[in-house]
Amino acid sequence: MAAATDRWVRRHNRRTRWFHAGVYLTTLTLLGTGWWLLAGREGRPSPLAWLTGIPDTTLHTAVGWAFVALAVAGPAWGFRGARTFVRESVRFTRTDLWWFARWPAATLTGRFAHHDGHFDPGQRLINLMLAGGLLVLAGTGAGMASLHGGPVFALLAQVHVWTTQLITWLIAGHIAVASGVLPGYRGVWRSMHLGGRLDRSVAFRLWPGWAARQKS
């Protein structure tokens, strides 16, 4: 029994997993309705608008405010987790360059360079870009919701569109990695699902320093 228990290590607690679920559900809804509107289909309800009976513009605005509330309440609710996220995301060392150099091949072989962080160097970069981009989207979206035309509205709308394009690519990459479709990341999806536990061998492959610090 002990050997079976030692095989697994918990990566994320329940609070973190629920917050992550709330963020990606609201974000995917915003991207879906946002791209629908950008495609000039405002007069035609999207599948989500059809299912809910709420116009896409109204749905996009409402979910946008829900995301803002989540972004404010989440870190306050899980202060320690938020502090760890920020502290671990901003740390970079010279050895991270070696990790990035080996990353393309490692996505297929699983032979990632060693690092000691809670997040690998790629995660840290994506964390900062996603967090910054989502904050820009929230800020420009809130600004547009409080304005009705004018040069400031036009500027906010343009920044909102540019940031949406960037965020879409980042999230697509994040999903590709987190789903484990790449051989080097096989098994990683369990860290945010099914109790947040993953095979210890996967943890040592992706986060060797962090895995070594975990108790059996």
C-alpha atoms as a PDB file:
ATOM      1  CA  MET A   1       0.000   0.000   0.000  1.00  0.00           C
ATOM      2  CA  ALA A   2       2.842   2.410   0.842  1.00  0.00           C
ATOM      3  CA  ALA A   3       4.461   1.851  -2.527  1.00  0.00           C
ATOM      4  CA  ALA A   4       1.192   2.652  -4.324  1.00  0.00           C
ATOM      5  CA  THR A   5       0.746   5.811  -2.260  1.00  0.00           C
ATOM      6  CA  ASP A   6       4.326   6.930  -2.903  1.00  0.00           C
ATOM      7  CA  ARG A   7       3.729   6.770  -6.634  1.00  0.00           C
ATOM      8  CA  TRP A   8       1.556   9.900  -6.580  1.00  0.00           C
ATOM      9  CA  VAL A   9       2.311  13.489  -5.632  1.00  0.00           C
ATOM     10  CA  ARG A  10      -0.194  16.317  -5.270  1.00  0.00           C
ATOM     11  CA  ARG A  11       0.633  19.273  -7.507  1.00  0.00           C
ATOM     12  CA  HIS A  12      -2.349  21.580  -6.890  1.00  0.00           C
ATOM     13  CA  ASN A  13      -4.887  21.764  -4.065  1.00  0.00           C
ATOM     14  CA  ARG A  14      -8.650  21.994  -4.516  1.00  0.00           C
ATOM     15  CA  ARG A  15      -8.805  25.771  -4.123  1.00  0.00           C
ATOM     16  CA  THR A  16      -6.240  26.303  -6.888  1.00  0.00           C
ATOM     17  CA  ARG A  17      -8.004  23.863  -9.182  1.00  0.00           C
ATOM     18  CA  TRP A  18     -11.395  25.548  -8.727  1.00  0.00           C
ATOM     19  CA  PHE A  19      -9.868  28.974  -9.378  1.00  0.00           C
ATOM     20  CA  HIS A  20      -8.149  27.652 -12.502  1.00  0.00           C
ATOM     21  CA  ALA A  21     -11.447  26.144 -13.687  1.00  0.00           C
ATOM     22  CA  GLY A  22     -13.246  29.453 -13.171  1.00  0.00           C
ATOM     23  CA  VAL A  23     -10.567  31.352 -15.070  1.00  0.00           C
ATOM     24  CA  TYR A  24     -10.503  29.056 -18.084  1.00  0.00           C
ATOM     25  CA  LEU A  25     -14.300  28.749 -18.302  1.00  0.00           C
ATOM     26  CA  THR A  26     -14.775  32.517 -18.295  1.00  0.00           C
ATOM     27  CA  THR A  27     -11.787  33.079 -20.582  1.00  0.00           C
ATOM     28  CA  LEU A  28     -12.909  30.510 -23.151  1.00  0.00           C
ATOM     29  CA  THR A  29     -16.419  31.977 -23.100  1.00  0.00           C
ATOM     30  CA  LEU A  30     -15.000  35.453 -23.649  1.00  0.00           C
ATOM     31  CA  LEU A  31     -12.781  34.270 -26.491  1.00  0.00           C
ATOM     32  CA  GLY A  32     -15.655  32.422 -28.126  1.00  0.00           C
ATOM     33  CA  THR A  33     -18.090  35.326 -28.002  1.00  0.00           C
ATOM     34  CA  GLY A  34     -15.340  37.851 -28.709  1.00  0.00           C
ATOM     35  CA  TRP A  35     -14.165  36.174 -31.900  1.00  0.00           C
ATOM     36  CA  TRP A  36     -17.780  35.693 -32.966  1.00  0.00           C
ATOM     37  CA  LEU A  37     -18.366  39.432 -32.678  1.00  0.00           C
ATOM     38  CA  LEU A  38     -15.033  40.273 -34.340  1.00  0.00           C
ATOM     39  CA  ALA A  39     -16.101  38.126 -37.290  1.00  0.00           C
ATOM     40  CA  GLY A  40     -19.032  40.514 -37.820  1.00  0.00           C
ATOM     41  CA  ARG A  41     -21.718  38.072 -36.690  1.00  0.00           C
ATOM     42  CA  GLU A  42     -23.324  40.291 -34.081  1.00  0.00           C
ATOM     43  CA  GLY A  43     -26.722  39.913 -35.760  1.00  0.00           C
ATOM     44  CA  ARG A  44     -26.505  36.106 -35.671  1.00  0.00           C
ATOM     45  CA  PRO A  45     -26.489  34.384 -32.258  1.00  0.00           C
ATOM     46  CA  SER A  46     -23.521  32.156 -31.527  1.00  0.00           C
ATOM     47  CA  PRO A  47     -24.222  28.597 -30.319  1.00  0.00           C
ATOM     48  CA  LEU A  48     -23.678  29.771 -26.742  1.00  0.00           C
ATOM     49  CA  ALA A  49     -26.017  32.732 -27.177  1.00  0.00           C
ATOM     50  CA  TRP A  50     -28.596  30.413 -28.716  1.00  0.00           C
ATOM     51  CA  LEU A  51     -28.343  27.999 -25.786  1.00  0.00           C
ATOM     52  CA  THR A  52     -28.584  30.694 -23.105  1.00  0.00           C
ATOM     53  CA  GLY A  53     -31.001  33.011 -24.883  1.00  0.00           C
ATOM     54  CA  ILE A  54     -28.651  35.927 -24.139  1.00  0.00           C
ATOM     55  CA  PRO A  55     -27.269  38.117 -26.973  1.00  0.00           C
ATOM     56  CA  ASP A  56     -23.547  37.729 -27.571  1.00  0.00           C
ATOM     57  CA  THR A  57     -22.786  41.355 -26.701  1.00  0.00           C
ATOM     58  CA  THR A  58     -24.630  41.061 -23.383  1.00  0.00           C
ATOM     59  CA  LEU A  59     -23.096  37.662 -22.667  1.00  0.00           C
ATOM     60  CA  HIS A  60     -19.590  38.913 -23.442  1.00  0.00           C
ATOM     61  CA  THR A  61     -19.995  41.907 -21.133  1.00  0.00           C
ATOM     62  CA  ALA A  62     -21.542  39.893 -18.290  1.00  0.00           C
ATOM     63  CA  VAL A  63     -18.897  37.170 -18.393  1.00  0.00           C
ATOM     64  CA  GLY A  64     -16.243  39.880 -18.635  1.00  0.00           C
ATOM     65  CA  TRP A  65     -17.417  41.381 -15.353  1.00  0.00           C
ATOM     66  CA  ALA A  66     -17.521  37.889 -13.842  1.00  0.00           C
ATOM     67  CA  PHE A  67     -13.894  37.433 -14.867  1.00  0.00           C
ATOM     68  CA  VAL A  68     -12.952  40.759 -13.248  1.00  0.00           C
ATOM     69  CA  ALA A  69     -14.683  39.678 -10.025  1.00  0.00           C
ATOM     70  CA  LEU A  70     -12.861  36.346 -10.137  1.00  0.00           C
ATOM     71  CA  ALA A  71      -9.522  38.043 -10.762  1.00  0.00           C
ATOM     72  CA  VAL A  72     -10.048  40.220  -7.675  1.00  0.00           C
ATOM     73  CA  ALA A  73     -11.616  37.644  -5.356  1.00  0.00           C
ATOM     74  CA  GLY A  74      -9.376  34.707  -6.294  1.00  0.00           C
ATOM     75  CA  PRO A  75      -6.049  36.086  -5.038  1.00  0.00           C
ATOM     76  CA  ALA A  76      -7.766  37.468  -1.928  1.00  0.00           C
ATOM     77  CA  TRP A  77      -9.332  34.065  -1.235  1.00  0.00           C
ATOM     78  CA  GLY A  78      -6.089  32.189  -1.802  1.00  0.00           C
ATOM     79  CA  PHE A  79      -3.482  34.766  -0.795  1.00  0.00           C
ATOM     80  CA  ARG A  80      -0.704  32.255  -0.162  1.00  0.00           C
ATOM     81  CA  GLY A  81      -1.245  30.614  -3.527  1.00  0.00           C
ATOM     82  CA  ALA A  82      -1.291  33.986  -5.282  1.00  0.00           C
ATOM     83  CA  ARG A  83       1.919  35.008  -3.533  1.00  0.00           C
ATOM     84  CA  THR A  84       3.595  31.755  -4.572  1.00  0.00           C
ATOM     85  CA  PHE A  85       2.389  32.211  -8.148  1.00  0.00           C
ATOM     86  CA  VAL A  86       3.884  35.708  -8.387  1.00  0.00           C
ATOM     87  CA  ARG A  87       7.124  34.888  -6.578  1.00  0.00           C
ATOM     88  CA  GLU A  88       7.781  31.747  -8.599  1.00  0.00           C
ATOM     89  CA  SER A  89       6.781  33.319 -11.924  1.00  0.00           C
ATOM     90  CA  VAL A  90       9.213  36.244 -11.747  1.00  0.00           C
ATOM     91  CA  ARG A  91      12.312  34.214 -10.867  1.00  0.00           C
ATOM     92  CA  PHE A  92      14.765  33.666 -13.713  1.00  0.00           C
ATOM     93  CA  THR A  93      18.373  32.473 -13.773  1.00  0.00           C
ATOM     94  CA  ARG A  94      21.033  32.047 -16.442  1.00  0.00           C
ATOM     95  CA  THR A  95      20.495  28.294 -16.432  1.00  0.00           C
ATOM     96  CA  ASP A  96      16.973  28.911 -17.744  1.00  0.00           C
ATOM     97  CA  LEU A  97      18.536  29.670 -21.141  1.00  0.00           C
ATOM     98  CA  TRP A  98      19.768  26.079 -21.298  1.00  0.00           C
ATOM     99  CA  TRP A  99      16.266  24.862 -20.477  1.00  0.00           C
ATOM    100  CA  PHE A 100      14.821  26.904 -23.366  1.00  0.00           C
ATOM    101  CA  ALA A 101      17.545  25.634 -25.721  1.00  0.00           C
ATOM    102  CA  ARG A 102      16.614  22.028 -24.969  1.00  0.00           C
ATOM    103  CA  TRP A 103      12.854  22.599 -24.860  1.00  0.00           C
ATOM    104  CA  PRO A 104      11.923  21.934 -28.534  1.00  0.00           C
ATOM    105  CA  ALA A 105      13.480  18.465 -28.518  1.00  0.00           C
ATOM    106  CA  ALA A 106      12.328  17.780 -24.951  1.00  0.00           C
ATOM    107  CA  THR A 107       8.666  18.202 -25.923  1.00  0.00           C
ATOM    108  CA  LEU A 108       9.126  14.970 -27.877  1.00  0.00           C
ATOM    109  CA  THR A 109      11.718  13.126 -25.780  1.00  0.00           C
ATOM    110  CA  GLY A 110      10.810  14.281 -22.263  1.00  0.00           C
ATOM    111  CA  ARG A 111      14.467  15.084 -21.548  1.00  0.00           C
ATOM    112  CA  PHE A 112      14.014  18.561 -20.129  1.00  0.00           C
ATOM    113  CA  ALA A 113      16.938  20.439 -18.618  1.00  0.00           C
ATOM    114  CA  HIS A 114      17.039  20.516 -14.819  1.00  0.00           C
ATOM    115  CA  HIS A 115      15.514  23.458 -12.941  1.00  0.00           C
ATOM    116  CA  ASP A 116      14.648  24.052  -9.290  1.00  0.00           C
ATOM    117  CA  GLY A 117      11.498  26.134  -9.655  1.00  0.00           C
ATOM    118  CA  HIS A 118       7.879  25.463  -8.788  1.00  0.00           C
ATOM    119  CA  PHE A 119       7.258  26.287 -12.470  1.00  0.00           C
ATOM    120  CA  ASP A 120       9.567  25.488 -15.346  1.00  0.00           C
ATOM    121  CA  PRO A 121      11.071  28.494 -17.208  1.00  0.00           C
ATOM    122  CA  GLY A 122       8.528  28.206 -20.018  1.00  0.00           C
ATOM    123  CA  GLN A 123       5.642  28.225 -17.560  1.00  0.00           C
ATOM    124  CA  ARG A 124       7.038  31.306 -15.853  1.00  0.00           C
ATOM    125  CA  LEU A 125       7.161  33.192 -19.138  1.00  0.00           C
ATOM    126  CA  ILE A 126       3.646  32.094 -20.112  1.00  0.00           C
ATOM    127  CA  ASN A 127       2.342  32.916 -16.626  1.00  0.00           C
ATOM    128  CA  LEU A 128       3.561  36.496 -16.925  1.00  0.00           C
ATOM    129  CA  MET A 129       2.314  36.945 -20.484  1.00  0.00           C
ATOM    130  CA  LEU A 130      -1.097  35.415 -19.802  1.00  0.00           C
ATOM    131  CA  ALA A 131      -1.609  37.280 -16.530  1.00  0.00           C
ATOM    132  CA  GLY A 132      -0.545  40.566 -18.116  1.00  0.00           C
ATOM    133  CA  GLY A 133      -2.643  39.994 -21.224  1.00  0.00           C
ATOM    134  CA  LEU A 134      -5.752  39.039 -19.267  1.00  0.00           C
ATOM    135  CA  LEU A 135      -5.374  42.127 -17.080  1.00  0.00           C
ATOM    136  CA  VAL A 136      -5.135  44.282 -20.210  1.00  0.00           C
ATOM    137  CA  LEU A 137      -8.273  42.627 -21.603  1.00  0.00           C
ATOM    138  CA  ALA A 138     -10.109  43.168 -18.322  1.00  0.00           C
ATOM    139  CA  GLY A 139      -9.023  46.805 -18.119  1.00  0.00           C
ATOM    140  CA  THR A 140      -9.826  47.691 -21.718  1.00  0.00           C
ATOM    141  CA  GLY A 141     -13.096  45.762 -21.550  1.00  0.00           C
ATOM    142  CA  ALA A 142     -14.173  47.596 -18.406  1.00  0.00           C
ATOM    143  CA  GLY A 143     -13.209  50.880 -20.029  1.00  0.00           C
ATOM    144  CA  MET A 144     -15.262  50.175 -23.142  1.00  0.00           C
ATOM    145  CA  ALA A 145     -18.251  49.130 -21.026  1.00  0.00           C
ATOM    146  CA  SER A 146     -18.226  52.527 -19.327  1.00  0.00           C
ATOM    147  CA  LEU A 147     -17.822  54.568 -22.531  1.00  0.00           C
ATOM    148  CA  HIS A 148     -20.038  55.113 -25.562  1.00  0.00           C
ATOM    149  CA  GLY A 149     -17.857  55.946 -28.542  1.00  0.00           C
ATOM    150  CA  GLY A 150     -15.142  58.561 -28.924  1.00  0.00           C
ATOM    151  CA  PRO A 151     -11.366  58.421 -29.484  1.00  0.00           C
ATOM    152  CA  VAL A 152     -10.612  56.795 -26.117  1.00  0.00           C
ATOM    153  CA  PHE A 153     -13.162  54.065 -26.804  1.00  0.00           C
ATOM    154  CA  ALA A 154     -11.619  53.467 -30.239  1.00  0.00           C
ATOM    155  CA  LEU A 155      -8.135  53.177 -28.730  1.00  0.00           C
ATOM    156  CA  LEU A 156      -9.321  50.774 -26.033  1.00  0.00           C
ATOM    157  CA  ALA A 157     -11.128  48.674 -28.639  1.00  0.00           C
ATOM    158  CA  GLN A 158      -7.996  48.386 -30.790  1.00  0.00           C
ATOM    159  CA  VAL A 159      -5.819  47.390 -27.832  1.00  0.00           C
ATOM    160  CA  HIS A 160      -8.518  44.899 -26.809  1.00  0.00           C
ATOM    161  CA  VAL A 161      -8.445  43.285 -30.257  1.00  0.00           C
ATOM    162  CA  TRP A 162      -4.647  43.124 -30.421  1.00  0.00           C
ATOM    163  CA  THR A 163      -4.456  41.581 -26.957  1.00  0.00           C
ATOM    164  CA  THR A 164      -7.201  39.093 -27.807  1.00  0.00           C
ATOM    165  CA  GLN A 165      -5.148  37.854 -30.758  1.00  0.00           C
ATOM    166  CA  LEU A 166      -2.070  37.383 -28.573  1.00  0.00           C
ATOM    167  CA  ILE A 167      -4.002  35.701 -25.762  1.00  0.00           C
ATOM    168  CA  THR A 168      -5.654  33.310 -28.204  1.00  0.00           C
ATOM    169  CA  TRP A 169      -2.279  32.004 -29.376  1.00  0.00           C
ATOM    170  CA  LEU A 170      -0.965  31.754 -25.816  1.00  0.00           C
ATOM    171  CA  ILE A 171      -4.002  29.813 -24.621  1.00  0.00           C
ATOM    172  CA  ALA A 172      -3.853  27.498 -27.636  1.00  0.00           C
ATOM    173  CA  GLY A 173      -0.238  26.724 -26.764  1.00  0.00           C
ATOM    174  CA  HIS A 174      -1.101  26.280 -23.106  1.00  0.00           C
ATOM    175  CA  ILE A 175      -3.857  23.799 -23.960  1.00  0.00           C
ATOM    176  CA  ALA A 176      -1.544  21.853 -26.276  1.00  0.00           C
ATOM    177  CA  VAL A 177       1.029  21.487 -23.497  1.00  0.00           C
ATOM    178  CA  ALA A 178      -1.379  20.959 -20.584  1.00  0.00           C
ATOM    179  CA  SER A 179      -3.401  18.327 -22.430  1.00  0.00           C
ATOM    180  CA  GLY A 180      -0.343  16.095 -22.670  1.00  0.00           C
ATOM    181  CA  VAL A 181      -0.686  15.694 -26.434  1.00  0.00           C
ATOM    182  CA  LEU A 182       3.067  16.311 -26.754  1.00  0.00           C
ATOM    183  CA  PRO A 183       5.014  13.176 -25.706  1.00  0.00           C
ATOM    184  CA  GLY A 184       7.269  15.099 -23.334  1.00  0.00           C
ATOM    185  CA  TYR A 185       4.255  16.382 -21.405  1.00  0.00           C
ATOM    186  CA  ARG A 186       2.358  13.095 -21.251  1.00  0.00           C
ATOM    187  CA  GLY A 187       0.524  12.756 -17.929  1.00  0.00           C
ATOM    188  CA  VAL A 188       0.762  16.443 -16.992  1.00  0.00           C
ATOM    189  CA  TRP A 189      -3.001  17.010 -17.315  1.00  0.00           C
ATOM    190  CA  ARG A 190      -3.561  15.227 -14.005  1.00  0.00           C
ATOM    191  CA  SER A 191      -1.901  18.069 -12.098  1.00  0.00           C
ATOM    192  CA  MET A 192      -5.056  20.194 -12.531  1.00  0.00           C
ATOM    193  CA  HIS A 193      -7.634  17.403 -12.690  1.00  0.00           C
ATOM    194  CA  LEU A 194      -8.746  14.274 -10.833  1.00  0.00           C
ATOM    195  CA  GLY A 195      -7.573  15.513  -7.449  1.00  0.00           C
ATOM    196  CA  GLY A 196      -4.516  17.374  -8.690  1.00  0.00           C
ATOM    197  CA  ARG A 197      -2.250  14.349  -8.237  1.00  0.00           C
ATOM    198  CA  LEU A 198       0.140  13.035 -10.845  1.00  0.00           C
ATOM    199  CA  ASP A 199       2.646  10.250 -11.168  1.00  0.00           C
ATOM    200  CA  ARG A 200       5.853  11.063  -9.310  1.00  0.00           C
ATOM    201  CA  SER A 201       7.901  10.151 -12.397  1.00  0.00           C
ATOM    202  CA  VAL A 202       6.020  12.829 -14.380  1.00  0.00           C
ATOM    203  CA  ALA A 203       6.701  15.368 -11.631  1.00  0.00           C
ATOM    204  CA  PHE A 204      10.434  14.583 -11.699  1.00  0.00           C
ATOM    205  CA  ARG A 205      10.468  14.833 -15.490  1.00  0.00           C
ATOM    206  CA  LEU A 206       8.848  18.291 -15.563  1.00  0.00           C
ATOM    207  CA  TRP A 207       9.652  19.893 -12.186  1.00  0.00           C
ATOM    208  CA  PRO A 208      12.631  17.968 -10.756  1.00  0.00           C
ATOM    209  CA  GLY A 209      13.552  20.478  -8.064  1.00  0.00           C
ATOM    210  CA  TRP A 210       9.976  20.838  -6.848  1.00  0.00           C
ATOM    211  CA  ALA A 211       9.377  17.068  -6.940  1.00  0.00           C
ATOM    212  CA  ALA A 212      12.492  16.400  -4.865  1.00  0.00           C
ATOM    213  CA  ARG A 213      11.157  18.717  -2.145  1.00  0.00           C
ATOM    214  CA  GLN A 214       7.850  16.853  -1.824  1.00  0.00           C
ATOM    215  CA  LYS A 215       7.366  14.335   0.952  1.00  0.00           C
ATOM    216  CA  SER A 216       6.597  10.758   0.011  1.00  0.00           C
END
